[in-house]
Amino acid sequence: MIEPANRMLDDIDLIARGHVPGGAARAHAAPVRDLDLSGVPAPGWGGLACAQVARLVPGESIVVVTDAPPYAMLDAVYAVTGDRVMVEYLATGPVAWVSALTRID
């Protein structure tokens, strides 16, 4: 039986060697998706947002929706990225807070 930790490495190895339908040329990263964090506990927002922002290339954006003010999440993103991410508030409650995060470096 393959353990879950080793399974990921096996799948990556197969993709790198072209053992996927269509070969390695057809293997690609999943596109960055917008985040709807409504219903997710606020302490987890920072990590989720940082993971998505880390995948952005300069000029790309994601939209993050939260059901409470996202200030702590945005502080976490800033702590990781510094001035490399621009924040634009698209909506500021009371039902949903919507922020656009754009990679600028």
Protein backbone atom coordinates (compact mmCIF):
# COMPACT_ATOMS: atom_id res chain seq x y z
CA MET A 1 0.00 0.00 0.00
CA ILE A 2 1.31 3.44 -0.93
CA GLU A 3 1.26 5.99 1.88
CA PRO A 4 -0.39 9.35 1.03
CA ALA A 5 2.88 11.27 1.45
CA ASN A 6 4.63 9.03 -1.08
CA ARG A 7 1.66 9.02 -3.43
CA MET A 8 2.11 12.70 -4.30
CA LEU A 9 5.76 12.15 -5.15
CA ASP A 10 4.86 9.18 -7.32
CA ASP A 11 2.26 11.23 -9.23
CA ILE A 12 4.69 14.11 -9.70
CA ASP A 13 7.36 11.70 -10.91
CA LEU A 14 4.97 10.18 -13.44
CA ILE A 15 3.97 13.60 -14.74
CA ALA A 16 7.60 14.73 -15.01
CA ARG A 17 8.46 11.65 -17.07
CA GLY A 18 5.50 12.14 -19.37
CA HIS A 19 3.45 9.21 -18.13
CA VAL A 20 0.15 11.04 -18.35
CA PRO A 21 -2.34 11.08 -21.23
CA GLY A 22 -0.80 13.30 -23.87
CA GLY A 23 2.64 13.29 -22.26
CA ALA A 24 4.40 15.88 -20.15
CA ALA A 25 3.49 18.66 -22.60
CA ARG A 26 -0.13 18.35 -21.48
CA ALA A 27 0.70 18.53 -17.76
CA HIS A 28 0.20 22.01 -16.31
CA ALA A 29 -0.55 23.74 -13.05
CA ALA A 30 -4.16 24.38 -12.16
CA PRO A 31 -5.21 27.99 -12.75
CA VAL A 32 -5.35 30.33 -9.78
CA ARG A 33 -8.93 30.58 -8.55
CA ASP A 34 -10.76 33.26 -6.64
CA LEU A 35 -11.35 32.54 -2.96
CA ASP A 36 -14.73 32.52 -1.26
CA LEU A 37 -13.88 32.21 2.41
CA SER A 38 -17.44 32.71 3.64
CA GLY A 39 -18.08 30.19 6.36
CA VAL A 40 -14.38 29.42 6.85
CA PRO A 41 -13.12 30.29 10.37
CA ALA A 42 -11.25 33.61 10.28
CA PRO A 43 -7.96 32.23 11.73
CA GLY A 44 -7.51 30.14 8.55
CA TRP A 45 -7.96 33.00 6.10
CA GLY A 46 -4.37 34.22 6.18
CA GLY A 47 -2.82 30.89 5.24
CA LEU A 48 -5.30 30.24 2.46
CA ALA A 49 -4.87 33.70 0.98
CA CYS A 50 -1.06 33.50 1.19
CA ALA A 51 -1.09 30.16 -0.64
CA GLN A 52 -3.13 31.58 -3.51
CA VAL A 53 -1.14 34.82 -3.69
CA ALA A 54 2.11 32.83 -3.85
CA ARG A 55 0.87 31.24 -7.08
CA LEU A 56 0.24 34.58 -8.79
CA VAL A 57 2.59 35.93 -11.43
CA PRO A 58 3.02 39.70 -11.81
CA GLY A 59 -0.18 41.23 -13.16
CA GLU A 60 -2.48 38.42 -12.02
CA SER A 61 -5.25 39.01 -9.48
CA ILE A 62 -7.55 37.03 -7.25
CA VAL A 63 -10.75 38.15 -5.59
CA VAL A 64 -11.22 37.14 -1.96
CA VAL A 65 -14.67 37.15 -0.36
CA THR A 66 -15.02 37.01 3.42
CA ASP A 67 -18.02 37.32 5.71
CA ALA A 68 -16.18 39.58 8.18
CA PRO A 69 -13.55 42.31 7.85
CA PRO A 70 -10.40 40.74 6.32
CA TYR A 71 -7.83 42.95 8.06
CA ALA A 72 -5.93 40.13 9.81
CA MET A 73 -5.83 38.12 6.57
CA LEU A 74 -4.47 41.12 4.67
CA ASP A 75 -1.86 41.67 7.40
CA ALA A 76 -0.76 38.03 6.94
CA VAL A 77 -0.49 38.48 3.17
CA TYR A 78 1.53 41.67 3.67
CA ALA A 79 3.83 39.93 6.14
CA VAL A 80 4.67 37.33 3.49
CA THR A 81 4.72 39.46 0.34
CA GLY A 82 5.58 42.96 1.54
CA ASP A 83 4.80 45.58 -1.08
CA ARG A 84 4.52 43.03 -3.90
CA VAL A 85 0.73 42.78 -3.61
CA MET A 86 -1.78 45.59 -4.14
CA VAL A 87 -5.09 45.42 -2.28
CA GLU A 88 -8.30 46.95 -3.64
CA TYR A 89 -11.51 46.87 -1.61
CA LEU A 90 -14.43 46.07 -3.91
CA ALA A 91 -17.10 45.80 -1.19
CA THR A 92 -16.92 46.51 2.54
CA GLY A 93 -19.74 44.63 4.24
CA PRO A 94 -22.00 44.28 6.07
CA VAL A 95 -22.80 40.91 4.47
CA ALA A 96 -19.59 40.34 2.51
CA TRP A 97 -16.19 41.96 2.26
CA VAL A 98 -14.64 41.61 -1.19
CA SER A 99 -10.97 42.36 -1.82
CA ALA A 100 -8.93 42.11 -5.01
CA LEU A 101 -5.30 41.10 -4.49
CA THR A 102 -2.96 41.83 -7.42
CA ARG A 103 0.69 40.76 -7.70
CA ILE A 104 2.68 43.80 -8.83
CA ASP A 105 6.34 42.72 -8.85
